[in-house]
Amino acid sequence: EAMEVGLIADTIVGVRAISTTAIHPPLPTHTESHSRYLRGITNDGTMILDAALLLTSSRLGSRE
């Protein structure tokens, strides 16, 4: 919680609010290695990532 994080993007396509009631569990067809970073998916196929888990993953590395 004390960590500050910044992300750099070349392009941002859009920003929108998504209600938590519109987020459903990941599909069972997703592999474990991919679904561990997913919080859920919306009806239109938008995948919601677990940013805290993704950014603290040992696979990501760290720049201090």
PDB file of N, CA and C in Angstrom:
ATOM      1  N   GLU A   1       0.811  -1.203   0.000  1.00  0.00           N
ATOM      2  CA  GLU A   1       0.000   0.000   0.000  1.00  0.00           C
ATOM      3  C   GLU A   1       0.847   1.257   0.000  1.00  0.00           C
ATOM      4  N   ALA A   2       2.079   1.167   0.448  1.00  0.00           N
ATOM      5  CA  ALA A   2       2.933   2.341   0.466  1.00  0.00           C
ATOM      6  C   ALA A   2       3.679   2.517  -0.852  1.00  0.00           C
ATOM      7  N   MET A   3       3.571   1.560  -1.756  1.00  0.00           N
ATOM      8  CA  MET A   3       4.267   1.625  -3.021  1.00  0.00           C
ATOM      9  C   MET A   3       3.559   2.579  -3.978  1.00  0.00           C
ATOM     10  N   GLU A   4       4.345   3.437  -4.624  1.00  0.00           N
ATOM     11  CA  GLU A   4       3.800   4.294  -5.670  1.00  0.00           C
ATOM     12  C   GLU A   4       4.203   3.702  -7.001  1.00  0.00           C
ATOM     13  N   VAL A   5       3.260   3.649  -7.935  1.00  0.00           N
ATOM     14  CA  VAL A   5       3.483   3.002  -9.216  1.00  0.00           C
ATOM     15  C   VAL A   5       3.078   3.950 -10.330  1.00  0.00           C
ATOM     16  N   GLY A   6       3.857   3.941 -11.389  1.00  0.00           N
ATOM     17  CA  GLY A   6       3.512   4.700 -12.580  1.00  0.00           C
ATOM     18  C   GLY A   6       3.609   3.796 -13.796  1.00  0.00           C
ATOM     19  N   LEU A   7       2.740   4.001 -14.737  1.00  0.00           N
ATOM     20  CA  LEU A   7       2.755   3.234 -15.983  1.00  0.00           C
ATOM     21  C   LEU A   7       2.916   4.195 -17.143  1.00  0.00           C
ATOM     22  N   ILE A   8       3.697   3.810 -18.125  1.00  0.00           N
ATOM     23  CA  ILE A   8       3.880   4.611 -19.324  1.00  0.00           C
ATOM     24  C   ILE A   8       3.179   3.900 -20.472  1.00  0.00           C
ATOM     25  N   ALA A   9       2.400   4.651 -21.228  1.00  0.00           N
ATOM     26  CA  ALA A   9       1.691   4.079 -22.378  1.00  0.00           C
ATOM     27  C   ALA A   9       1.886   4.979 -23.588  1.00  0.00           C
ATOM     28  N   ASP A  10       2.059   4.372 -24.735  1.00  0.00           N
ATOM     29  CA  ASP A  10       2.164   5.147 -25.969  1.00  0.00           C
ATOM     30  C   ASP A  10       0.823   5.756 -26.347  1.00  0.00           C
ATOM     31  N   THR A  11      -0.244   4.997 -26.126  1.00  0.00           N
ATOM     32  CA  THR A  11      -1.582   5.439 -26.503  1.00  0.00           C
ATOM     33  C   THR A  11      -2.590   4.924 -25.484  1.00  0.00           C
ATOM     34  N   ILE A  12      -3.555   5.758 -25.156  1.00  0.00           N
ATOM     35  CA  ILE A  12      -4.677   5.326 -24.331  1.00  0.00           C
ATOM     36  C   ILE A  12      -5.906   5.389 -25.220  1.00  0.00           C
ATOM     37  N   VAL A  13      -6.527   4.260 -25.435  1.00  0.00           N
ATOM     38  CA  VAL A  13      -7.667   4.169 -26.343  1.00  0.00           C
ATOM     39  C   VAL A  13      -8.914   4.782 -25.727  1.00  0.00           C
ATOM     40  N   GLY A  14      -9.082   4.607 -24.436  1.00  0.00           N
ATOM     41  CA  GLY A  14     -10.256   5.164 -23.779  1.00  0.00           C
ATOM     42  C   GLY A  14     -10.267   4.814 -22.309  1.00  0.00           C
ATOM     43  N   VAL A  15     -11.084   5.519 -21.584  1.00  0.00           N
ATOM     44  CA  VAL A  15     -11.245   5.285 -20.150  1.00  0.00           C
ATOM     45  C   VAL A  15     -12.737   5.227 -19.868  1.00  0.00           C
ATOM     46  N   ARG A  16     -13.151   4.279 -19.056  1.00  0.00           N
ATOM     47  CA  ARG A  16     -14.561   4.196 -18.696  1.00  0.00           C
ATOM     48  C   ARG A  16     -14.713   3.569 -17.329  1.00  0.00           C
ATOM     49  N   ALA A  17     -15.798   3.890 -16.693  1.00  0.00           N
ATOM     50  CA  ALA A  17     -16.117   3.297 -15.387  1.00  0.00           C
ATOM     51  C   ALA A  17     -16.866   1.993 -15.623  1.00  0.00           C
ATOM     52  N   ILE A  18     -16.541   0.985 -14.820  1.00  0.00           N
ATOM     53  CA  ILE A  18     -17.216  -0.308 -14.909  1.00  0.00           C
ATOM     54  C   ILE A  18     -17.737  -0.649 -13.518  1.00  0.00           C
ATOM     55  N   SER A  19     -19.016  -0.883 -13.423  1.00  0.00           N
ATOM     56  CA  SER A  19     -19.634  -1.247 -12.161  1.00  0.00           C
ATOM     57  C   SER A  19     -19.131  -2.611 -11.710  1.00  0.00           C
ATOM     58  N   THR A  20     -18.914  -2.761 -10.420  1.00  0.00           N
ATOM     59  CA  THR A  20     -18.464  -4.061  -9.916  1.00  0.00           C
ATOM     60  C   THR A  20     -19.494  -5.161 -10.165  1.00  0.00           C
ATOM     61  N   THR A  21     -20.763  -4.788 -10.302  1.00  0.00           N
ATOM     62  CA  THR A  21     -21.795  -5.793 -10.594  1.00  0.00           C
ATOM     63  C   THR A  21     -21.717  -6.291 -12.032  1.00  0.00           C
ATOM     64  N   ALA A  22     -20.987  -5.579 -12.899  1.00  0.00           N
ATOM     65  CA  ALA A  22     -20.842  -5.981 -14.299  1.00  0.00           C
ATOM     66  C   ALA A  22     -19.633  -6.886 -14.515  1.00  0.00           C
ATOM     67  N   ILE A  23     -18.883  -7.160 -13.439  1.00  0.00           N
ATOM     68  CA  ILE A  23     -17.681  -7.993 -13.550  1.00  0.00           C
ATOM     69  C   ILE A  23     -18.010  -9.413 -13.090  1.00  0.00           C
ATOM     70  N   HIS A  24     -17.747 -10.369 -13.970  1.00  0.00           N
ATOM     71  CA  HIS A  24     -18.028 -11.781 -13.709  1.00  0.00           C
ATOM     72  C   HIS A  24     -16.709 -12.537 -13.520  1.00  0.00           C
ATOM     73  N   PRO A  25     -16.719 -13.682 -12.867  1.00  0.00           N
ATOM     74  CA  PRO A  25     -15.489 -14.465 -12.682  1.00  0.00           C
ATOM     75  C   PRO A  25     -14.859 -14.817 -14.026  1.00  0.00           C
ATOM     76  N   PRO A  26     -13.520 -14.998 -14.049  1.00  0.00           N
ATOM     77  CA  PRO A  26     -12.851 -15.405 -15.290  1.00  0.00           C
ATOM     78  C   PRO A  26     -13.435 -16.708 -15.822  1.00  0.00           C
ATOM     79  N   LEU A  27     -13.385 -16.876 -17.118  1.00  0.00           N
ATOM     80  CA  LEU A  27     -13.898 -18.090 -17.747  1.00  0.00           C
ATOM     81  C   LEU A  27     -13.040 -19.294 -17.383  1.00  0.00           C
ATOM     82  N   PRO A  28     -13.644 -20.463 -17.215  1.00  0.00           N
ATOM     83  CA  PRO A  28     -12.864 -21.664 -16.864  1.00  0.00           C
ATOM     84  C   PRO A  28     -11.919 -22.097 -17.985  1.00  0.00           C
ATOM     85  N   THR A  29     -12.082 -21.558 -19.176  1.00  0.00           N
ATOM     86  CA  THR A  29     -11.217 -21.925 -20.299  1.00  0.00           C
ATOM     87  C   THR A  29      -9.868 -21.213 -20.251  1.00  0.00           C
ATOM     88  N   HIS A  30      -9.734 -20.185 -19.410  1.00  0.00           N
ATOM     89  CA  HIS A  30      -8.444 -19.510 -19.277  1.00  0.00           C
ATOM     90  C   HIS A  30      -7.486 -20.411 -18.494  1.00  0.00           C
ATOM     91  N   THR A  31      -6.237 -20.459 -18.941  1.00  0.00           N
ATOM     92  CA  THR A  31      -5.248 -21.277 -18.237  1.00  0.00           C
ATOM     93  C   THR A  31      -4.905 -20.632 -16.904  1.00  0.00           C
ATOM     94  N   GLU A  32      -4.453 -21.413 -15.952  1.00  0.00           N
ATOM     95  CA  GLU A  32      -4.111 -20.920 -14.616  1.00  0.00           C
ATOM     96  C   GLU A  32      -3.069 -19.807 -14.687  1.00  0.00           C
ATOM     97  N   SER A  33      -2.064 -19.954 -15.554  1.00  0.00           N
ATOM     98  CA  SER A  33      -1.010 -18.946 -15.628  1.00  0.00           C
ATOM     99  C   SER A  33      -1.550 -17.593 -16.086  1.00  0.00           C
ATOM    100  N   HIS A  34      -2.589 -17.599 -16.899  1.00  0.00           N
ATOM    101  CA  HIS A  34      -3.182 -16.340 -17.348  1.00  0.00           C
ATOM    102  C   HIS A  34      -4.261 -15.843 -16.399  1.00  0.00           C
ATOM    103  N   SER A  35      -5.078 -16.748 -15.886  1.00  0.00           N
ATOM    104  CA  SER A  35      -6.223 -16.336 -15.084  1.00  0.00           C
ATOM    105  C   SER A  35      -5.829 -15.857 -13.697  1.00  0.00           C
ATOM    106  N   ARG A  36      -4.630 -16.160 -13.235  1.00  0.00           N
ATOM    107  CA  ARG A  36      -4.259 -15.698 -11.898  1.00  0.00           C
ATOM    108  C   ARG A  36      -4.188 -14.179 -11.825  1.00  0.00           C
ATOM    109  N   TYR A  37      -3.991 -13.501 -12.940  1.00  0.00           N
ATOM    110  CA  TYR A  37      -3.933 -12.037 -12.963  1.00  0.00           C
ATOM    111  C   TYR A  37      -5.281 -11.402 -13.305  1.00  0.00           C
ATOM    112  N   LEU A  38      -6.291 -12.218 -13.581  1.00  0.00           N
ATOM    113  CA  LEU A  38      -7.608 -11.697 -13.935  1.00  0.00           C
ATOM    114  C   LEU A  38      -8.509 -11.600 -12.709  1.00  0.00           C
ATOM    115  N   ARG A  39      -9.140 -10.457 -12.562  1.00  0.00           N
ATOM    116  CA  ARG A  39     -10.152 -10.316 -11.504  1.00  0.00           C
ATOM    117  C   ARG A  39     -11.502 -10.734 -12.039  1.00  0.00           C
ATOM    118  N   GLY A  40     -11.705 -10.540 -13.353  1.00  0.00           N
ATOM    119  CA  GLY A  40     -12.967 -10.918 -13.953  1.00  0.00           C
ATOM    120  C   GLY A  40     -13.064 -10.437 -15.383  1.00  0.00           C
ATOM    121  N   ILE A  41     -14.252 -10.614 -15.944  1.00  0.00           N
ATOM    122  CA  ILE A  41     -14.506 -10.240 -17.330  1.00  0.00           C
ATOM    123  C   ILE A  41     -15.921  -9.680 -17.419  1.00  0.00           C
ATOM    124  N   THR A  42     -16.115  -8.697 -18.296  1.00  0.00           N
ATOM    125  CA  THR A  42     -17.441  -8.103 -18.464  1.00  0.00           C
ATOM    126  C   THR A  42     -18.178  -8.796 -19.604  1.00  0.00           C
ATOM    127  N   ASN A  43     -19.459  -8.501 -19.743  1.00  0.00           N
ATOM    128  CA  ASN A  43     -20.263  -9.105 -20.817  1.00  0.00           C
ATOM    129  C   ASN A  43     -19.730  -8.789 -22.201  1.00  0.00           C
ATOM    130  N   ASP A  44     -19.083  -7.626 -22.361  1.00  0.00           N
ATOM    131  CA  ASP A  44     -18.565  -7.268 -23.686  1.00  0.00           C
ATOM    132  C   ASP A  44     -17.138  -7.770 -23.912  1.00  0.00           C
ATOM    133  N   GLY A  45     -16.613  -8.578 -22.961  1.00  0.00           N
ATOM    134  CA  GLY A  45     -15.303  -9.193 -23.145  1.00  0.00           C
ATOM    135  C   GLY A  45     -14.133  -8.392 -22.587  1.00  0.00           C
ATOM    136  N   THR A  46     -14.404  -7.296 -21.900  1.00  0.00           N
ATOM    137  CA  THR A  46     -13.330  -6.530 -21.281  1.00  0.00           C
ATOM    138  C   THR A  46     -12.772  -7.311 -20.103  1.00  0.00           C
ATOM    139  N   MET A  47     -11.472  -7.554 -20.108  1.00  0.00           N
ATOM    140  CA  MET A  47     -10.842  -8.298 -19.025  1.00  0.00           C
ATOM    141  C   MET A  47     -10.337  -7.316 -17.974  1.00  0.00           C
ATOM    142  N   ILE A  48     -10.672  -7.584 -16.719  1.00  0.00           N
ATOM    143  CA  ILE A  48     -10.267  -6.741 -15.605  1.00  0.00           C
ATOM    144  C   ILE A  48      -9.074  -7.404 -14.934  1.00  0.00           C
ATOM    145  N   LEU A  49      -7.935  -6.722 -14.934  1.00  0.00           N
ATOM    146  CA  LEU A  49      -6.716  -7.271 -14.347  1.00  0.00           C
ATOM    147  C   LEU A  49      -6.601  -6.913 -12.877  1.00  0.00           C
ATOM    148  N   ASP A  50      -5.937  -7.768 -12.117  1.00  0.00           N
ATOM    149  CA  ASP A  50      -5.622  -7.505 -10.717  1.00  0.00           C
ATOM    150  C   ASP A  50      -4.294  -6.749 -10.718  1.00  0.00           C
ATOM    151  N   ALA A  51      -4.356  -5.429 -10.712  1.00  0.00           N
ATOM    152  CA  ALA A  51      -3.160  -4.599 -10.843  1.00  0.00           C
ATOM    153  C   ALA A  51      -2.182  -4.831  -9.693  1.00  0.00           C
ATOM    154  N   ALA A  52      -2.674  -4.977  -8.479  1.00  0.00           N
ATOM    155  CA  ALA A  52      -1.777  -5.191  -7.335  1.00  0.00           C
ATOM    156  C   ALA A  52      -0.983  -6.478  -7.505  1.00  0.00           C
ATOM    157  N   LEU A  53      -1.637  -7.546  -7.906  1.00  0.00           N
ATOM    158  CA  LEU A  53      -0.958  -8.825  -8.103  1.00  0.00           C
ATOM    159  C   LEU A  53      -0.006  -8.748  -9.296  1.00  0.00           C
ATOM    160  N   LEU A  54      -0.451  -8.131 -10.359  1.00  0.00           N
ATOM    161  CA  LEU A  54       0.369  -8.009 -11.564  1.00  0.00           C
ATOM    162  C   LEU A  54       1.642  -7.211 -11.296  1.00  0.00           C
ATOM    163  N   LEU A  55       1.509  -6.100 -10.590  1.00  0.00           N
ATOM    164  CA  LEU A  55       2.659  -5.226 -10.365  1.00  0.00           C
ATOM    165  C   LEU A  55       3.594  -5.717  -9.262  1.00  0.00           C
ATOM    166  N   THR A  56       3.166  -6.681  -8.468  1.00  0.00           N
ATOM    167  CA  THR A  56       4.045  -7.229  -7.436  1.00  0.00           C
ATOM    168  C   THR A  56       4.565  -8.611  -7.800  1.00  0.00           C
ATOM    169  N   SER A  57       4.253  -9.068  -8.994  1.00  0.00           N
ATOM    170  CA  SER A  57       4.686 -10.385  -9.441  1.00  0.00           C
ATOM    171  C   SER A  57       6.213 -10.441  -9.563  1.00  0.00           C
ATOM    172  N   SER A  58       6.802 -11.522  -9.103  1.00  0.00           N
ATOM    173  CA  SER A  58       8.259 -11.701  -9.228  1.00  0.00           C
ATOM    174  C   SER A  58       8.657 -11.842 -10.692  1.00  0.00           C
ATOM    175  N   ARG A  59       7.733 -12.212 -11.549  1.00  0.00           N
ATOM    176  CA  ARG A  59       8.014 -12.349 -12.989  1.00  0.00           C
ATOM    177  C   ARG A  59       8.184 -10.993 -13.654  1.00  0.00           C
ATOM    178  N   LEU A  60       7.665  -9.943 -13.016  1.00  0.00           N
ATOM    179  CA  LEU A  60       7.732  -8.602 -13.597  1.00  0.00           C
ATOM    180  C   LEU A  60       9.100  -7.977 -13.398  1.00  0.00           C
ATOM    181  N   GLY A  61       9.747  -8.278 -12.306  1.00  0.00           N
ATOM    182  CA  GLY A  61      11.020  -7.640 -11.993  1.00  0.00           C
ATOM    183  C   GLY A  61      10.769  -6.347 -11.241  1.00  0.00           C
ATOM    184  N   SER A  62      11.825  -5.667 -10.876  1.00  0.00           N
ATOM    185  CA  SER A  62      11.691  -4.439 -10.096  1.00  0.00           C
ATOM    186  C   SER A  62      12.792  -3.475 -10.465  1.00  0.00           C
ATOM    187  N   ARG A  63      12.433  -2.199 -10.551  1.00  0.00           N
ATOM    188  CA  ARG A  63      13.408  -1.135 -10.774  1.00  0.00           C
ATOM    189  C   ARG A  63      13.312  -0.175  -9.612  1.00  0.00           C
ATOM    190  N   GLU A  64      14.333  -0.174  -8.779  1.00  0.00           N
ATOM    191  CA  GLU A  64      14.302   0.726  -7.620  1.00  0.00           C
ATOM    192  C   GLU A  64      15.300   1.827  -7.788  1.00  0.00           C
TER     193      GLU A  64
END
